[in-house]
Amino acid sequence: MSTEPFHLTDANFDETIKKNSIVLVDFWAGWCGPCRALAPTIQELAREYAGKVLVAKLDVDENPQTAERFQVYSIPTVVIIKNGFEVDRIVGLCPKRNFDAALQRHL
């Protein structure tokens, strides 16, 4: 697994989720200030959880089908998917410890 966030799209989403037992998906957009503020945390998580969790980003403007499917109405929204099913969701800009705690519950 990469130490950088994986870029998800509507086209590769389902296949990527099937291939990875735990995926953290950051639903974001380039114009979103809180999303940009969260980006370094997402990069840290990708490095720290490499080999255990696929940390990914999905641009909601470029991939509206997946964002709608997951009912993402506010961004940033981070969804943790385990074995193909959503198991946790964090909405808004939060400290890294919140993401660590959520991931630890599902590892």
C-alpha atoms as a PDB file:
ATOM      1  CA  MET A   1       0.000   0.000   0.000  1.00  0.00           C
ATOM      2  CA  SER A   2       1.064   3.534  -0.708  1.00  0.00           C
ATOM      3  CA  THR A   3       2.203   6.066   1.852  1.00  0.00           C
ATOM      4  CA  GLU A   4       0.289   8.741  -0.086  1.00  0.00           C
ATOM      5  CA  PRO A   5      -3.514   9.018  -0.223  1.00  0.00           C
ATOM      6  CA  PHE A   6      -5.003   7.006  -3.100  1.00  0.00           C
ATOM      7  CA  HIS A   7      -7.170   8.991  -5.525  1.00  0.00           C
ATOM      8  CA  LEU A   8     -10.606   7.416  -5.832  1.00  0.00           C
ATOM      9  CA  THR A   9     -13.053   8.107  -8.645  1.00  0.00           C
ATOM     10  CA  ASP A  10     -16.580   6.992  -9.495  1.00  0.00           C
ATOM     11  CA  ALA A  11     -14.946   4.578 -11.961  1.00  0.00           C
ATOM     12  CA  ASN A  12     -12.472   2.870  -9.588  1.00  0.00           C
ATOM     13  CA  PHE A  13     -14.367   3.120  -6.292  1.00  0.00           C
ATOM     14  CA  ASP A  14     -16.110  -0.288  -6.124  1.00  0.00           C
ATOM     15  CA  GLU A  15     -13.088  -2.233  -7.357  1.00  0.00           C
ATOM     16  CA  THR A  16     -10.792  -0.465  -4.876  1.00  0.00           C
ATOM     17  CA  ILE A  17     -13.146  -1.095  -1.945  1.00  0.00           C
ATOM     18  CA  LYS A  18     -13.363  -4.816  -2.819  1.00  0.00           C
ATOM     19  CA  LYS A  19      -9.559  -5.151  -2.901  1.00  0.00           C
ATOM     20  CA  ASN A  20      -8.949  -3.546   0.524  1.00  0.00           C
ATOM     21  CA  SER A  21     -10.431  -4.729   3.813  1.00  0.00           C
ATOM     22  CA  ILE A  22     -10.301  -1.266   5.457  1.00  0.00           C
ATOM     23  CA  VAL A  23     -10.489   1.998   3.520  1.00  0.00           C
ATOM     24  CA  LEU A  24     -10.624   5.526   4.919  1.00  0.00           C
ATOM     25  CA  VAL A  25     -12.200   7.817   2.316  1.00  0.00           C
ATOM     26  CA  ASP A  26     -11.847  11.590   2.554  1.00  0.00           C
ATOM     27  CA  PHE A  27     -14.707  13.184   0.582  1.00  0.00           C
ATOM     28  CA  TRP A  28     -13.421  16.671  -0.289  1.00  0.00           C
ATOM     29  CA  ALA A  29     -13.383  19.490  -2.861  1.00  0.00           C
ATOM     30  CA  GLY A  30     -10.660  21.902  -3.929  1.00  0.00           C
ATOM     31  CA  TRP A  31     -12.707  25.007  -3.073  1.00  0.00           C
ATOM     32  CA  CYS A  32     -13.374  23.800   0.510  1.00  0.00           C
ATOM     33  CA  GLY A  33     -11.147  25.523   3.092  1.00  0.00           C
ATOM     34  CA  PRO A  34     -11.698  22.932   5.858  1.00  0.00           C
ATOM     35  CA  CYS A  35     -10.932  20.176   3.312  1.00  0.00           C
ATOM     36  CA  ARG A  36      -7.606  21.814   2.494  1.00  0.00           C
ATOM     37  CA  ALA A  37      -6.885  22.201   6.211  1.00  0.00           C
ATOM     38  CA  LEU A  38      -7.563  18.474   6.717  1.00  0.00           C
ATOM     39  CA  ALA A  39      -5.267  17.394   3.839  1.00  0.00           C
ATOM     40  CA  PRO A  40      -2.021  17.206   5.910  1.00  0.00           C
ATOM     41  CA  THR A  41      -3.794  14.996   8.479  1.00  0.00           C
ATOM     42  CA  ILE A  42      -4.988  12.681   5.708  1.00  0.00           C
ATOM     43  CA  GLN A  43      -1.414  12.473   4.393  1.00  0.00           C
ATOM     44  CA  GLU A  44      -0.119  11.635   7.892  1.00  0.00           C
ATOM     45  CA  LEU A  45      -2.739   8.897   8.244  1.00  0.00           C
ATOM     46  CA  ALA A  46      -1.725   7.444   4.865  1.00  0.00           C
ATOM     47  CA  ARG A  47       1.902   7.208   6.032  1.00  0.00           C
ATOM     48  CA  GLU A  48       1.130   5.895   9.517  1.00  0.00           C
ATOM     49  CA  TYR A  49      -1.414   3.269   8.447  1.00  0.00           C
ATOM     50  CA  ALA A  50       0.349   2.108   5.255  1.00  0.00           C
ATOM     51  CA  GLY A  51      -0.041  -1.663   4.973  1.00  0.00           C
ATOM     52  CA  LYS A  52      -3.060  -1.696   7.316  1.00  0.00           C
ATOM     53  CA  VAL A  53      -5.540   0.824   5.885  1.00  0.00           C
ATOM     54  CA  LEU A  54      -5.923   2.266   2.404  1.00  0.00           C
ATOM     55  CA  VAL A  55      -6.258   6.021   2.918  1.00  0.00           C
ATOM     56  CA  ALA A  56      -8.003   7.587  -0.062  1.00  0.00           C
ATOM     57  CA  LYS A  57      -9.432  10.894  -1.273  1.00  0.00           C
ATOM     58  CA  LEU A  58     -12.478  11.410  -3.476  1.00  0.00           C
ATOM     59  CA  ASP A  59     -13.199  14.815  -5.039  1.00  0.00           C
ATOM     60  CA  VAL A  60     -16.984  15.243  -4.726  1.00  0.00           C
ATOM     61  CA  ASP A  61     -17.178  17.712  -7.629  1.00  0.00           C
ATOM     62  CA  GLU A  62     -15.469  15.331 -10.041  1.00  0.00           C
ATOM     63  CA  ASN A  63     -17.190  12.189  -8.673  1.00  0.00           C
ATOM     64  CA  PRO A  64     -20.757  13.105  -7.759  1.00  0.00           C
ATOM     65  CA  GLN A  65     -22.191   9.573  -8.097  1.00  0.00           C
ATOM     66  CA  THR A  66     -20.149   8.125  -5.239  1.00  0.00           C
ATOM     67  CA  ALA A  67     -20.670  11.201  -3.064  1.00  0.00           C
ATOM     68  CA  GLU A  68     -24.426  10.927  -3.595  1.00  0.00           C
ATOM     69  CA  ARG A  69     -24.400   7.174  -2.968  1.00  0.00           C
ATOM     70  CA  PHE A  70     -22.790   7.790   0.435  1.00  0.00           C
ATOM     71  CA  GLN A  71     -25.099  10.748   1.109  1.00  0.00           C
ATOM     72  CA  VAL A  72     -22.230  13.171   1.591  1.00  0.00           C
ATOM     73  CA  TYR A  73     -23.951  16.526   2.105  1.00  0.00           C
ATOM     74  CA  SER A  74     -21.189  18.326   4.025  1.00  0.00           C
ATOM     75  CA  ILE A  75     -17.480  18.266   3.425  1.00  0.00           C
ATOM     76  CA  PRO A  76     -15.044  17.269   4.584  1.00  0.00           C
ATOM     77  CA  THR A  77     -16.644  13.918   5.357  1.00  0.00           C
ATOM     78  CA  VAL A  78     -14.423  10.959   6.171  1.00  0.00           C
ATOM     79  CA  VAL A  79     -15.959   7.507   5.852  1.00  0.00           C
ATOM     80  CA  ILE A  80     -14.324   4.298   7.075  1.00  0.00           C
ATOM     81  CA  ILE A  81     -15.304   1.247   5.046  1.00  0.00           C
ATOM     82  CA  LYS A  82     -14.570  -2.243   6.358  1.00  0.00           C
ATOM     83  CA  ASN A  83     -15.167  -5.311   4.194  1.00  0.00           C
ATOM     84  CA  GLY A  84     -17.259  -3.225   1.804  1.00  0.00           C
ATOM     85  CA  PHE A  85     -19.548  -1.635   4.403  1.00  0.00           C
ATOM     86  CA  GLU A  86     -19.470   1.781   6.036  1.00  0.00           C
ATOM     87  CA  VAL A  87     -18.560   1.343   9.701  1.00  0.00           C
ATOM     88  CA  ASP A  88     -17.746   4.902  10.762  1.00  0.00           C
ATOM     89  CA  ARG A  89     -18.174   8.497   9.605  1.00  0.00           C
ATOM     90  CA  ILE A  90     -16.613  11.762  10.756  1.00  0.00           C
ATOM     91  CA  VAL A  91     -18.033  15.013   9.386  1.00  0.00           C
ATOM     92  CA  GLY A  92     -16.114  18.272   9.569  1.00  0.00           C
ATOM     93  CA  LEU A  93     -12.602  19.321  10.426  1.00  0.00           C
ATOM     94  CA  CYS A  94     -11.434  17.309  13.444  1.00  0.00           C
ATOM     95  CA  PRO A  95      -8.119  16.673  15.193  1.00  0.00           C
ATOM     96  CA  LYS A  96      -6.043  13.699  14.064  1.00  0.00           C
ATOM     97  CA  ARG A  97      -6.764  11.841  17.303  1.00  0.00           C
ATOM     98  CA  ASN A  98     -10.432  11.486  16.248  1.00  0.00           C
ATOM     99  CA  PHE A  99      -9.389   9.659  13.073  1.00  0.00           C
ATOM    100  CA  ASP A 100      -6.854   7.530  14.963  1.00  0.00           C
ATOM    101  CA  ALA A 101      -9.522   6.499  17.472  1.00  0.00           C
ATOM    102  CA  ALA A 102     -11.992   5.605  14.721  1.00  0.00           C
ATOM    103  CA  LEU A 103      -9.404   3.536  12.857  1.00  0.00           C
ATOM    104  CA  GLN A 104      -8.280   1.743  16.006  1.00  0.00           C
ATOM    105  CA  ARG A 105     -11.873   0.627  16.630  1.00  0.00           C
ATOM    106  CA  HIS A 106     -11.883  -1.177  13.297  1.00  0.00           C
ATOM    107  CA  LEU A 107      -8.366  -2.613  13.007  1.00  0.00           C
END
